[in-house]
Amino acid sequence: MNQIHTFAMKWLDKFRDQGINYIELVDHYMADDCAALGFEMDCGHAFERVYGKAVYDNKELDKVIDDITDIPLLGSAIYSRWRYYNHWAYDASQILEPQNRAWFITALSRLASLSSENPAIFKGTIKKIRIVSNNISYGPRPEPEDEVEQHLTVNTDGRVWFSTYVFGDGIGKYRKSKTKNFSIDKSNATELLDKVAAYFSREDYTDVFATDIGIWEMELTNTEGKTYKFQGSLCADFDADGIDLSDLIRDSLGLPDLYAFDGNDKPDKINRIVLDYHRVTKIKPKEVPEGAAWEFVTWDYAEQLIIDREKATLEHIQNIGTGCKVSRKYEVEGGIESLLDDFDAEDLFGNIVGNPDDVVENPNETKDYRITIDYKKNPQKIITGSFDKNGLPDDFKEFADAVYDFMRFYGLGEILDPSVYGKAKRRATDYIYCSVVFEDGQKTYYYLADDDSIEVDDFVIVPAGKDNHESIVNVVGIEYFPEDKVPLPVEKTKHIIRKCTDEEIESIEETQSEAFYCPAAKKVITSDVCYELWMCLNGMMKLSLVPEVEIKDQAQAEKICNECPRHKQWE
């Protein structure tokens, strides 16, 4: 197995080498190695019987490569594929074409993985790590001064050795271009190495191999002097308890351009956004004190929004005036990170239309803003301008909506919510009256509930009509009444049969296009009607075109509609 692994790694390196001469690949050397290992050259027949076109097609091979566990069969396929270019191909140099090189890299990578002594398991106490990252991939030949490889060594004493290499003339070894040797705090170095070692001690760690990008190779040496070797493609996304391992190494060592395991090619991230808004309004009072030297009262108003990844906080601060300051702070672990990750670091606030030269300004009021963005990689970005549609970035609305939705999700709590403080506990002798609505109606109907777990917005099954056929309705209200104050006689009020099952609710969504109770329409409607109503209440359609609903108070309905979270899907 060791010999097979050595063979796989040897030829894997050769097929990855962008400067290799095709003669070295098609000459007899690879055949000699295959024969010495006992691999058979059968023109790929055995492999083809099991995996079909994967015997020659790199895309087909990629689909099945993880299922291949038969080392002799895979070795025979590699030997036979090599023989095609050595003996039958019209032009042996075709072995260097990207799709052909990719086939061998995929097959040899799998062979290396199958024959390794489980290098994914590090054992012992870490003493030193060494990482060599090479970013050469398929594509144009690098220029002589293009950086192509990095070498990094870190030990538990805090010593760091870092070197970079450029392509040079492409003949032989790369040319060293930069060396940086330094030290970091010993405790920080130990913590970093421990996290790397812990990750590669996990049994669920798997090598990641791709055919069109660079590679990384790593050696972990423990205190007993034993070295464990690892390698993979330069696209590895190693997550160590929520922390990206490549980013951890870069941040710990202060090497932002380090290739590490992922090639440092991931999109940039926003770490902090600060939005400052400033409005100055001159207000002319109805009466000015006699002898006053001023004509206007100036209202200097400001707001600030701060979204901070490191602190996991969002703060909204209002400076309303002298002695009047209001602030709201949201500390949401994971939530702030997700909010910032939803913004495209490369494109956010990238374009501003600007106001035309002949725009009419209000002499008594100015509204200005300043946006400061701190990135993980790129330098800080500052944007300023007038706080209006054309003065703000094109995508400001999308940004504002996302932040507003985040803040609205957490709301103002329950202390001042009348639906919380105004709800009395049910007495044992009270009757539970549920207000329900049917799909095609506007009126609400009382039904008695024997199940105290029923809540508003639940779908339940009730007896309906003179024949008491079962019907699905939506619960829109729940009230408790003593026997002497019931809204309808108990003996004449029908009882809810039961709550709907998950399967029944799914059926409702399929057959009724997600029927639900709409507080603006005051009835159960479908998602199609919801969309049309939203368009009407936002001035894009006439209400008369939606006969399913009747709106008496349009202003109130518009307010309810635009506060409904369902409508974010239509915007």
Protein backbone atom coordinates (compact mmCIF):
# COMPACT_ATOMS: atom_id res chain seq x y z
CA MET A 1 0.00 0.00 0.00
CA ASN A 2 2.87 2.35 0.74
CA GLN A 3 4.32 1.69 -2.70
CA ILE A 4 0.97 2.34 -4.36
CA HIS A 5 0.61 5.58 -2.40
CA THR A 6 4.12 6.67 -3.38
CA PHE A 7 3.32 5.90 -7.04
CA ALA A 8 0.07 7.87 -6.92
CA MET A 9 1.68 10.93 -5.31
CA LYS A 10 4.67 10.82 -7.69
CA TRP A 11 2.55 10.82 -10.84
CA LEU A 12 -0.05 13.14 -9.38
CA ASP A 13 2.66 15.76 -8.96
CA LYS A 14 3.82 15.20 -12.52
CA PHE A 15 0.35 15.60 -14.01
CA ARG A 16 -0.17 18.77 -11.95
CA ASP A 17 3.13 20.23 -13.19
CA GLN A 18 2.20 22.85 -15.78
CA GLY A 19 5.75 22.96 -17.13
CA ILE A 20 6.22 19.23 -17.70
CA ASN A 21 7.16 17.88 -21.14
CA TYR A 22 4.60 15.39 -22.44
CA ILE A 23 7.43 12.94 -23.25
CA GLU A 24 8.00 12.44 -19.52
CA LEU A 25 4.38 11.35 -19.16
CA VAL A 26 4.09 9.04 -22.16
CA ASP A 27 7.54 7.43 -21.98
CA HIS A 28 7.88 3.95 -20.47
CA TYR A 29 8.49 5.12 -16.88
CA MET A 30 4.84 5.16 -15.84
CA ALA A 31 4.29 1.74 -17.43
CA ASP A 32 7.27 0.38 -15.50
CA ASP A 33 5.80 1.64 -12.23
CA CYS A 34 2.33 0.20 -13.02
CA ALA A 35 3.75 -3.19 -13.94
CA ALA A 36 5.88 -3.29 -10.78
CA LEU A 37 2.73 -2.77 -8.70
CA GLY A 38 0.89 -5.55 -10.49
CA PHE A 39 -1.60 -3.36 -12.34
CA GLU A 40 -2.88 -4.96 -15.53
CA MET A 41 -3.14 -3.25 -18.92
CA ASP A 42 -6.46 -4.55 -20.30
CA CYS A 43 -7.38 -1.54 -22.46
CA GLY A 44 -9.76 -0.47 -19.68
CA HIS A 45 -12.30 -3.23 -20.36
CA ALA A 46 -12.78 -4.29 -16.74
CA PHE A 47 -13.19 -0.71 -15.54
CA GLU A 48 -15.55 0.11 -18.42
CA ARG A 49 -17.85 -2.79 -17.56
CA VAL A 50 -18.41 -1.24 -14.13
CA TYR A 51 -18.18 2.51 -14.76
CA GLY A 52 -18.86 2.93 -18.48
CA LYS A 53 -17.63 6.14 -20.09
CA ALA A 54 -15.72 7.08 -16.95
CA VAL A 55 -12.89 4.96 -18.37
CA TYR A 56 -11.96 7.90 -20.63
CA ASP A 57 -14.27 10.87 -19.85
CA ASN A 58 -13.08 13.06 -16.97
CA LYS A 59 -16.57 14.46 -16.28
CA GLU A 60 -18.06 10.99 -16.03
CA LEU A 61 -15.15 9.88 -13.84
CA ASP A 62 -15.75 12.81 -11.51
CA LYS A 63 -19.35 11.63 -10.97
CA VAL A 64 -18.32 8.15 -9.77
CA ILE A 65 -14.87 8.70 -8.30
CA ASP A 66 -16.05 8.69 -4.68
CA ASP A 67 -17.69 5.30 -5.20
CA ILE A 68 -14.51 3.62 -6.43
CA THR A 69 -12.85 1.48 -3.75
CA ASP A 70 -11.19 -1.28 -5.82
CA ILE A 71 -7.50 -0.33 -5.97
CA PRO A 72 -6.41 -2.97 -8.56
CA LEU A 73 -9.33 -2.00 -10.81
CA LEU A 74 -8.49 1.71 -10.56
CA GLY A 75 -4.78 1.05 -11.07
CA SER A 76 -5.57 -1.02 -14.16
CA ALA A 77 -7.70 1.83 -15.55
CA ILE A 78 -4.84 4.31 -15.03
CA TYR A 79 -2.35 1.95 -16.72
CA SER A 80 -4.71 1.36 -19.66
CA ARG A 81 -5.48 5.04 -20.09
CA TRP A 82 -1.75 5.84 -20.14
CA ARG A 83 -1.27 3.11 -22.77
CA TYR A 84 -3.75 4.85 -25.07
CA TYR A 85 -1.59 7.97 -25.30
CA ASN A 86 1.63 5.97 -25.42
CA HIS A 87 0.54 3.65 -28.21
CA TRP A 88 -2.74 4.44 -29.94
CA ALA A 89 -3.29 8.21 -29.82
CA TYR A 90 -2.66 10.08 -33.06
CA ASP A 91 -0.76 12.73 -31.09
CA ALA A 92 0.72 11.67 -27.74
CA SER A 93 0.95 15.31 -26.63
CA GLN A 94 -2.84 15.23 -26.21
CA ILE A 95 -2.17 13.80 -22.78
CA LEU A 96 -1.48 17.39 -21.67
CA GLU A 97 -4.86 18.75 -22.76
CA PRO A 98 -6.87 19.96 -19.75
CA GLN A 99 -9.61 17.33 -19.93
CA ASN A 100 -7.08 14.50 -20.28
CA ARG A 101 -4.80 15.80 -17.56
CA ALA A 102 -7.92 16.18 -15.36
CA TRP A 103 -8.78 12.49 -15.83
CA PHE A 104 -5.39 11.37 -14.52
CA ILE A 105 -5.41 13.87 -11.63
CA THR A 106 -8.84 12.68 -10.51
CA ALA A 107 -7.92 8.99 -10.78
CA LEU A 108 -4.50 9.36 -9.13
CA SER A 109 -5.94 11.51 -6.32
CA ARG A 110 -8.45 8.79 -5.52
CA LEU A 111 -5.74 6.14 -5.68
CA ALA A 112 -3.61 8.18 -3.27
CA SER A 113 -6.53 8.51 -0.88
CA LEU A 114 -7.35 4.79 -0.99
CA SER A 115 -3.75 3.71 -0.44
CA SER A 116 -2.78 6.17 2.29
CA GLU A 117 -2.26 5.16 5.90
CA ASN A 118 -5.18 7.38 6.85
CA PRO A 119 -3.16 10.63 6.91
CA ALA A 120 -6.32 12.40 7.99
CA ILE A 121 -5.69 11.35 11.59
CA PHE A 122 -3.06 13.33 13.49
CA LYS A 123 -2.00 11.88 16.82
CA GLY A 124 -0.01 13.27 19.68
CA THR A 125 0.84 16.81 20.78
CA ILE A 126 1.54 19.29 17.99
CA LYS A 127 4.98 20.87 17.79
CA LYS A 128 5.24 22.28 14.26
CA ILE A 129 3.25 22.77 11.09
CA ARG A 130 4.55 23.30 7.58
CA ILE A 131 2.26 24.26 4.70
CA VAL A 132 3.26 24.54 1.03
CA SER A 133 0.54 26.12 -1.13
CA ASN A 134 0.81 26.24 -4.91
CA ASN A 135 -1.78 28.24 -6.88
CA ILE A 136 -0.91 27.12 -10.42
CA SER A 137 -4.00 25.90 -12.26
CA TYR A 138 -5.09 25.32 -15.82
CA GLY A 139 -4.95 28.42 -17.94
CA PRO A 140 -2.32 30.75 -19.34
CA ARG A 141 1.28 30.05 -18.40
CA PRO A 142 2.28 32.30 -15.47
CA GLU A 143 4.55 35.26 -16.13
CA PRO A 144 8.08 35.06 -14.68
CA GLU A 145 7.23 37.47 -11.82
CA ASP A 146 3.86 35.91 -10.95
CA GLU A 147 3.72 34.51 -7.43
CA VAL A 148 2.86 30.81 -7.60
CA GLU A 149 3.90 29.19 -4.32
CA GLN A 150 4.14 29.95 -0.60
CA HIS A 151 5.94 28.09 2.17
CA LEU A 152 4.89 28.56 5.80
CA THR A 153 6.33 27.00 8.96
CA VAL A 154 5.12 27.73 12.50
CA ASN A 155 6.21 26.08 15.74
CA THR A 156 4.85 26.18 19.28
CA ASP A 157 7.65 28.57 20.36
CA GLY A 158 6.02 31.23 18.19
CA ARG A 159 8.66 31.21 15.45
CA VAL A 160 7.29 31.81 11.95
CA TRP A 161 9.07 31.28 8.63
CA PHE A 162 7.30 32.51 5.50
CA SER A 163 8.60 32.51 1.92
CA THR A 164 7.03 33.25 -1.45
CA TYR A 165 8.12 32.01 -4.87
CA VAL A 166 7.57 33.31 -8.39
CA PHE A 167 7.30 31.23 -11.56
CA GLY A 168 10.64 32.34 -13.00
CA ASP A 169 11.63 30.77 -16.31
CA GLY A 170 9.44 27.72 -15.72
CA ILE A 171 12.43 25.40 -15.88
CA GLY A 172 13.27 23.54 -12.71
CA LYS A 173 12.47 25.10 -9.35
CA TYR A 174 10.53 28.29 -8.77
CA ARG A 175 12.51 31.40 -7.81
CA LYS A 176 12.26 32.66 -4.23
CA SER A 177 10.97 36.24 -4.20
CA LYS A 178 10.39 37.12 -0.56
CA THR A 179 11.26 35.84 2.90
CA LYS A 180 9.73 36.95 6.20
CA ASN A 181 10.85 35.43 9.49
CA PHE A 182 9.27 36.68 12.71
CA SER A 183 7.81 35.62 16.05
CA ILE A 184 4.35 35.76 17.59
CA ASP A 185 3.30 35.30 21.20
CA LYS A 186 4.00 31.75 22.30
CA SER A 187 0.52 31.25 23.75
CA ASN A 188 -1.07 32.47 20.50
CA ALA A 189 1.12 30.11 18.49
CA THR A 190 0.21 27.18 20.73
CA GLU A 191 -3.49 27.98 20.46
CA LEU A 192 -3.28 28.22 16.67
CA LEU A 193 -1.39 24.96 16.25
CA ASP A 194 -3.70 23.17 18.67
CA LYS A 195 -6.72 24.15 16.58
CA VAL A 196 -5.09 23.00 13.36
CA ALA A 197 -4.01 19.73 14.96
CA ALA A 198 -7.46 19.17 16.47
CA TYR A 199 -9.12 19.62 13.10
CA PHE A 200 -6.85 17.11 11.38
CA SER A 201 -7.28 14.66 14.25
CA ARG A 202 -10.95 14.28 13.35
CA GLU A 203 -12.02 11.04 11.72
CA ASP A 204 -14.59 12.86 9.57
CA TYR A 205 -11.94 14.94 7.83
CA THR A 206 -11.74 14.18 4.11
CA ASP A 207 -9.34 15.30 1.41
CA VAL A 208 -10.73 17.66 -1.19
CA PHE A 209 -9.35 17.21 -4.69
CA ALA A 210 -10.19 19.26 -7.77
CA THR A 211 -8.54 19.14 -11.15
CA ASP A 212 -8.48 22.76 -12.26
CA ILE A 213 -6.92 24.60 -9.31
CA GLY A 214 -3.75 24.58 -7.24
CA ILE A 215 -2.82 22.32 -4.34
CA TRP A 216 -1.68 22.53 -0.73
CA GLU A 217 0.53 20.09 1.17
CA MET A 218 0.97 20.09 4.93
CA GLU A 219 3.16 18.34 7.45
CA LEU A 220 2.18 18.19 11.12
CA THR A 221 4.99 17.14 13.46
CA ASN A 222 4.24 16.07 17.01
CA THR A 223 6.49 16.30 20.10
CA GLU A 224 7.71 12.75 19.51
CA GLY A 225 9.11 13.75 16.11
CA LYS A 226 6.56 11.85 14.04
CA THR A 227 5.34 13.69 10.94
CA TYR A 228 1.87 13.34 9.43
CA LYS A 229 1.31 14.45 5.84
CA PHE A 230 -1.85 15.90 4.33
CA GLN A 231 -2.71 17.41 0.97
CA GLY A 232 -5.64 18.64 -1.08
CA SER A 233 -6.78 21.17 -3.61
CA LEU A 234 -6.51 24.89 -2.97
CA CYS A 235 -10.24 25.28 -2.41
CA ALA A 236 -10.60 23.59 0.97
CA ASP A 237 -13.22 25.17 3.21
CA PHE A 238 -12.19 23.84 6.60
CA ASP A 239 -14.57 24.93 9.37
CA ALA A 240 -13.24 24.50 12.89
CA ASP A 241 -16.11 25.17 15.29
CA GLY A 242 -17.47 27.97 13.15
CA ILE A 243 -14.06 29.45 12.35
CA ASP A 244 -12.53 29.18 8.89
CA LEU A 245 -9.15 27.52 9.41
CA SER A 246 -7.44 29.42 6.58
CA ASP A 247 -8.71 32.75 7.91
CA LEU A 248 -7.64 31.78 11.42
CA ILE A 249 -4.05 31.20 10.26
CA ARG A 250 -4.01 34.44 8.25
CA ASP A 251 -5.40 36.50 11.14
CA SER A 252 -3.21 34.90 13.80
CA LEU A 253 -0.02 35.50 11.81
CA GLY A 254 -0.95 38.85 10.29
CA LEU A 255 -0.48 37.46 6.78
CA PRO A 256 -3.61 38.56 4.88
CA ASP A 257 -2.27 37.32 1.52
CA LEU A 258 -1.53 33.78 2.72
CA TYR A 259 -2.85 31.07 0.38
CA ALA A 260 -3.25 28.51 3.21
CA PHE A 261 -5.83 25.86 2.24
CA ASP A 262 -8.23 27.92 0.13
CA GLY A 263 -5.95 30.08 -2.01
CA ASN A 264 -7.30 33.23 -0.33
CA ASP A 265 -9.71 33.44 -3.22
CA LYS A 266 -12.98 33.64 -1.30
CA PRO A 267 -15.15 36.75 -1.64
CA ASP A 268 -14.40 39.59 0.73
CA LYS A 269 -16.58 40.12 3.79
CA ILE A 270 -17.96 43.25 5.43
CA ASN A 271 -16.91 43.54 9.06
CA ARG A 272 -18.57 46.82 9.99
CA ILE A 273 -20.99 49.35 8.53
CA VAL A 274 -21.58 52.76 10.07
CA LEU A 275 -24.32 54.94 8.58
CA ASP A 276 -24.45 58.54 9.82
CA TYR A 277 -27.47 60.67 8.93
CA HIS A 278 -27.59 64.41 9.64
CA ARG A 279 -30.51 66.75 9.11
CA VAL A 280 -30.49 70.48 9.86
CA THR A 281 -33.86 72.21 9.63
CA LYS A 282 -34.53 75.94 10.06
CA ILE A 283 -37.97 76.54 11.55
CA LYS A 284 -39.47 80.00 11.49
CA PRO A 285 -41.62 80.45 14.62
CA LYS A 286 -44.96 82.24 14.43
CA GLU A 287 -43.75 84.81 16.92
CA VAL A 288 -40.20 86.09 17.36
CA PRO A 289 -39.37 87.86 20.62
CA GLU A 290 -38.94 91.57 20.17
CA GLY A 291 -35.30 92.50 19.73
CA ALA A 292 -34.21 88.94 18.90
CA ALA A 293 -31.19 88.76 16.59
CA TRP A 294 -32.35 85.44 15.09
CA GLU A 295 -35.12 84.70 12.62
CA PHE A 296 -35.13 80.90 12.67
CA VAL A 297 -34.92 78.15 15.25
CA THR A 298 -32.49 75.46 14.12
CA TRP A 299 -33.27 71.78 14.70
CA ASP A 300 -30.07 69.76 14.49
CA TYR A 301 -31.10 66.12 14.23
CA ALA A 302 -28.88 63.07 13.69
CA GLU A 303 -29.11 59.30 13.51
CA GLN A 304 -26.45 56.63 13.49
CA LEU A 305 -26.69 52.96 12.53
CA ILE A 306 -23.79 50.67 13.45
CA ILE A 307 -23.60 47.02 12.40
CA ASP A 308 -20.52 45.33 13.89
CA ARG A 309 -19.51 41.74 13.11
CA GLU A 310 -16.88 41.45 15.85
CA LYS A 311 -19.21 42.71 18.60
CA ALA A 312 -22.20 40.89 17.07
CA THR A 313 -24.28 44.03 17.58
CA LEU A 314 -26.56 46.37 15.69
CA GLU A 315 -27.09 49.80 17.21
CA HIS A 316 -29.54 52.50 16.15
CA ILE A 317 -29.01 55.86 17.84
CA GLN A 318 -31.18 58.97 17.49
CA ASN A 319 -29.89 62.36 18.62
CA ILE A 320 -33.22 64.16 18.59
CA GLY A 321 -31.96 67.32 20.23
CA THR A 322 -30.15 68.68 23.24
CA GLY A 323 -30.73 66.35 26.15
CA CYS A 324 -32.77 63.92 24.08
CA LYS A 325 -31.10 60.77 22.86
CA VAL A 326 -32.74 57.44 22.04
CA SER A 327 -30.81 54.24 21.32
CA ARG A 328 -31.63 50.63 20.54
CA LYS A 329 -29.06 47.88 20.65
CA TYR A 330 -29.45 44.37 19.27
CA GLU A 331 -26.95 41.75 20.40
CA VAL A 332 -27.68 38.67 18.28
CA GLU A 333 -24.99 36.02 18.13
CA GLY A 334 -24.91 34.63 14.60
CA GLY A 335 -27.66 36.99 13.47
CA ILE A 336 -25.43 40.00 12.86
CA GLU A 337 -22.94 37.82 11.01
CA SER A 338 -25.70 36.47 8.76
CA LEU A 339 -27.03 39.97 8.12
CA LEU A 340 -23.61 41.24 7.00
CA ASP A 341 -22.93 38.10 4.96
CA ASP A 342 -26.11 38.75 2.99
CA PHE A 343 -24.55 41.94 1.61
CA ASP A 344 -22.22 41.55 -1.38
CA ALA A 345 -18.94 43.08 -0.26
CA GLU A 346 -17.85 43.72 -3.83
CA ASP A 347 -21.04 45.42 -5.02
CA LEU A 348 -22.71 47.02 -2.00
CA PHE A 349 -23.15 50.76 -2.49
CA GLY A 350 -21.14 50.60 -5.68
CA ASN A 351 -23.14 53.08 -7.77
CA ILE A 352 -24.74 56.47 -7.13
CA VAL A 353 -26.78 58.18 -9.83
CA GLY A 354 -26.33 61.65 -8.36
CA ASN A 355 -28.55 64.69 -8.60
CA PRO A 356 -28.69 66.85 -11.74
CA ASP A 357 -27.15 70.33 -11.72
CA ASP A 358 -30.51 72.08 -11.81
CA VAL A 359 -31.98 70.30 -8.78
CA VAL A 360 -33.99 72.62 -6.52
CA GLU A 361 -32.57 72.78 -3.01
CA ASN A 362 -34.54 73.62 0.13
CA PRO A 363 -32.77 76.64 1.65
CA ASN A 364 -34.16 75.82 5.09
CA GLU A 365 -33.13 72.20 5.26
CA THR A 366 -30.17 69.96 4.49
CA LYS A 367 -30.00 66.17 4.72
CA ASP A 368 -26.59 64.51 4.45
CA TYR A 369 -25.14 61.09 5.08
CA ARG A 370 -21.84 59.33 5.54
CA ILE A 371 -21.39 55.57 5.12
CA THR A 372 -18.22 53.92 6.42
CA ILE A 373 -17.57 50.29 5.50
CA ASP A 374 -14.77 48.19 6.98
CA TYR A 375 -13.88 45.01 5.09
CA LYS A 376 -11.99 41.88 6.01
CA LYS A 377 -9.51 42.29 3.13
CA ASN A 378 -10.05 45.54 1.27
CA PRO A 379 -9.32 49.00 2.67
CA GLN A 380 -12.02 51.04 4.36
CA LYS A 381 -14.60 52.65 2.09
CA ILE A 382 -16.30 55.99 2.84
CA ILE A 383 -19.28 57.33 0.89
CA THR A 384 -20.87 60.73 1.46
CA GLY A 385 -23.68 62.65 -0.18
CA SER A 386 -27.16 64.09 0.15
CA PHE A 387 -29.77 61.86 1.74
CA ASP A 388 -32.24 61.48 -1.12
CA LYS A 389 -33.06 58.93 -3.80
CA ASN A 390 -30.45 60.09 -6.32
CA GLY A 391 -27.86 61.08 -3.73
CA LEU A 392 -27.88 57.65 -2.09
CA PRO A 393 -26.45 54.46 -3.64
CA ASP A 394 -28.75 52.60 -6.02
CA ASP A 395 -29.13 49.64 -3.68
CA PHE A 396 -29.78 51.62 -0.51
CA LYS A 397 -33.44 50.53 -0.46
CA GLU A 398 -32.47 46.85 -0.43
CA PHE A 399 -30.00 47.54 2.38
CA ALA A 400 -32.55 49.54 4.38
CA ASP A 401 -35.22 46.87 3.94
CA ALA A 402 -32.89 44.14 5.14
CA VAL A 403 -31.89 46.08 8.25
CA TYR A 404 -35.49 47.13 8.95
CA ASP A 405 -36.68 43.53 8.64
CA PHE A 406 -33.97 42.45 11.06
CA MET A 407 -35.00 45.05 13.64
CA ARG A 408 -38.72 44.49 13.14
CA PHE A 409 -38.31 40.75 13.64
CA TYR A 410 -37.34 41.37 17.26
CA GLY A 411 -39.99 44.07 17.68
CA LEU A 412 -40.57 46.02 20.87
CA GLY A 413 -41.06 43.01 23.07
CA GLU A 414 -44.12 42.03 25.09
CA ILE A 415 -44.16 44.49 28.01
CA LEU A 416 -46.30 47.02 26.12
CA ASP A 417 -48.22 44.53 23.98
CA PRO A 418 -51.94 44.58 24.89
CA SER A 419 -52.38 41.10 23.43
CA VAL A 420 -50.04 39.90 26.18
CA TYR A 421 -50.88 42.07 29.20
CA GLY A 422 -54.58 42.23 28.31
CA LYS A 423 -55.10 38.46 28.18
CA ALA A 424 -56.57 36.88 31.30
CA LYS A 425 -55.83 33.31 32.25
CA ARG A 426 -58.60 30.84 31.60
CA ARG A 427 -60.49 29.59 34.59
CA ALA A 428 -61.26 25.92 34.83
CA THR A 429 -64.98 26.64 34.38
CA ASP A 430 -64.53 28.97 31.39
CA TYR A 431 -65.56 27.99 27.88
CA ILE A 432 -63.10 28.46 24.99
CA TYR A 433 -64.75 30.24 22.07
CA CYS A 434 -62.69 30.36 18.90
CA SER A 435 -63.44 32.79 16.09
CA VAL A 436 -62.85 31.09 12.75
CA VAL A 437 -63.17 32.04 9.09
CA PHE A 438 -63.94 29.83 6.14
CA GLU A 439 -61.95 30.02 2.92
CA ASP A 440 -64.62 31.77 0.87
CA GLY A 441 -66.13 33.99 3.55
CA GLN A 442 -65.52 37.29 5.30
CA LYS A 443 -67.51 36.69 8.47
CA THR A 444 -66.14 35.06 11.58
CA TYR A 445 -67.98 32.26 13.36
CA TYR A 446 -67.77 31.02 16.91
CA TYR A 447 -66.84 27.41 17.61
CA LEU A 448 -66.23 25.86 20.99
CA ALA A 449 -62.79 24.34 21.58
CA ASP A 450 -62.15 21.43 23.93
CA ASP A 451 -58.40 21.55 23.14
CA ASP A 452 -56.53 24.25 25.08
CA SER A 453 -53.51 23.91 22.76
CA ILE A 454 -55.31 25.54 19.81
CA GLU A 455 -53.76 28.91 18.94
CA VAL A 456 -54.51 31.80 16.64
CA ASP A 457 -53.55 31.04 13.01
CA ASP A 458 -54.04 27.30 13.49
CA PHE A 459 -56.04 25.39 10.90
CA VAL A 460 -58.73 23.19 12.43
CA ILE A 461 -61.51 20.88 11.25
CA VAL A 462 -65.08 21.85 12.16
CA PRO A 463 -68.58 20.58 11.37
CA ALA A 464 -70.22 22.95 8.88
CA GLY A 465 -73.66 23.39 7.38
CA LYS A 466 -76.87 21.57 8.17
CA ASP A 467 -75.31 18.24 7.28
CA ASN A 468 -72.30 18.93 9.54
CA HIS A 469 -69.81 18.07 6.82
CA GLU A 470 -66.19 18.50 7.86
CA SER A 471 -64.50 21.69 6.73
CA ILE A 472 -61.08 23.24 7.31
CA VAL A 473 -61.10 26.72 8.82
CA ASN A 474 -58.55 29.19 10.13
CA VAL A 475 -58.63 30.29 13.79
CA VAL A 476 -58.40 34.09 13.99
CA GLY A 477 -59.28 34.74 17.63
CA ILE A 478 -59.63 32.97 20.99
CA GLU A 479 -61.70 34.19 23.97
CA TYR A 480 -62.61 32.79 27.39
CA PHE A 481 -66.11 33.20 28.86
CA PRO A 482 -67.81 32.06 32.07
CA GLU A 483 -71.07 30.22 31.54
CA ASP A 484 -73.23 33.27 32.30
CA LYS A 485 -71.45 35.47 29.73
CA VAL A 486 -71.00 33.21 26.70
CA PRO A 487 -71.65 35.01 23.38
CA LEU A 488 -73.73 32.07 22.08
CA PRO A 489 -75.58 29.38 24.01
CA VAL A 490 -73.23 26.50 24.70
CA GLU A 491 -75.79 23.90 23.59
CA LYS A 492 -76.23 25.64 20.22
CA THR A 493 -72.53 26.18 19.49
CA LYS A 494 -70.68 23.55 17.48
CA HIS A 495 -67.38 22.13 18.68
CA ILE A 496 -64.05 22.08 16.84
CA ILE A 497 -63.36 18.46 15.90
CA ARG A 498 -59.55 18.65 15.97
CA LYS A 499 -56.47 20.47 14.73
CA CYS A 500 -55.29 19.75 11.21
CA THR A 501 -52.39 17.37 10.76
CA ASP A 502 -49.20 18.45 8.98
CA GLU A 503 -50.26 16.45 5.93
CA GLU A 504 -53.64 18.21 5.84
CA ILE A 505 -51.99 21.61 6.11
CA GLU A 506 -49.67 20.71 3.22
CA SER A 507 -52.74 19.70 1.25
CA ILE A 508 -54.32 23.06 1.98
CA GLU A 509 -51.25 24.83 0.67
CA GLU A 510 -51.31 22.75 -2.52
CA THR A 511 -55.04 23.00 -3.25
CA GLN A 512 -55.70 26.51 -1.98
CA SER A 513 -52.41 28.16 -2.98
CA GLU A 514 -51.56 28.60 0.71
CA ALA A 515 -54.88 29.80 2.12
CA PHE A 516 -54.56 32.00 5.21
CA TYR A 517 -56.43 34.67 7.09
CA CYS A 518 -55.68 38.21 5.91
CA PRO A 519 -56.30 40.94 8.55
CA ALA A 520 -56.46 43.61 5.85
CA ALA A 521 -59.13 41.78 3.87
CA LYS A 522 -60.67 40.34 7.05
CA LYS A 523 -61.06 36.89 5.46
CA VAL A 524 -59.14 33.82 4.35
CA ILE A 525 -57.47 34.44 1.00
CA THR A 526 -55.03 32.61 -1.25
CA SER A 527 -51.49 33.73 -2.05
CA ASP A 528 -52.65 34.84 -5.51
CA VAL A 529 -55.24 37.19 -3.99
CA CYS A 530 -52.64 38.32 -1.45
CA TYR A 531 -50.35 39.39 -4.27
CA GLU A 532 -53.12 41.26 -6.10
CA LEU A 533 -54.25 42.99 -2.91
CA TRP A 534 -50.68 44.08 -2.16
CA MET A 535 -50.41 45.56 -5.66
CA CYS A 536 -53.71 47.41 -5.20
CA LEU A 537 -52.79 48.88 -1.84
CA ASN A 538 -49.45 50.01 -3.27
CA GLY A 539 -51.04 51.82 -6.21
CA MET A 540 -50.17 49.30 -8.93
CA MET A 541 -53.73 48.04 -9.54
CA LYS A 542 -57.29 49.14 -8.91
CA LEU A 543 -59.13 47.46 -6.06
CA SER A 544 -62.10 46.91 -8.34
CA LEU A 545 -59.99 44.33 -10.19
CA VAL A 546 -59.93 42.10 -7.10
CA PRO A 547 -63.57 41.10 -6.54
CA GLU A 548 -62.60 38.57 -3.86
CA VAL A 549 -62.05 41.30 -1.26
CA GLU A 550 -63.96 44.34 -0.08
CA ILE A 551 -61.93 47.06 1.62
CA LYS A 552 -63.86 49.66 3.59
CA ASP A 553 -60.97 51.53 5.23
CA GLN A 554 -58.25 51.63 2.60
CA ALA A 555 -55.77 53.63 4.69
CA GLN A 556 -56.00 51.13 7.54
CA ALA A 557 -55.79 48.19 5.14
CA GLU A 558 -52.72 49.69 3.47
CA LYS A 559 -50.98 50.04 6.83
CA ILE A 560 -51.78 46.44 7.77
CA CYS A 561 -50.76 45.17 4.35
CA ASN A 562 -47.38 46.88 4.24
CA GLU A 563 -46.49 45.64 7.72
CA CYS A 564 -47.26 42.03 6.79
CA PRO A 565 -44.08 39.88 6.55
CA ARG A 566 -45.67 37.80 3.76
CA HIS A 567 -45.27 40.67 1.34
CA LYS A 568 -41.48 40.65 1.32
CA GLN A 569 -41.73 37.91 -1.31
CA TRP A 570 -43.54 40.31 -3.66
CA GLU A 571 -41.15 43.25 -3.32
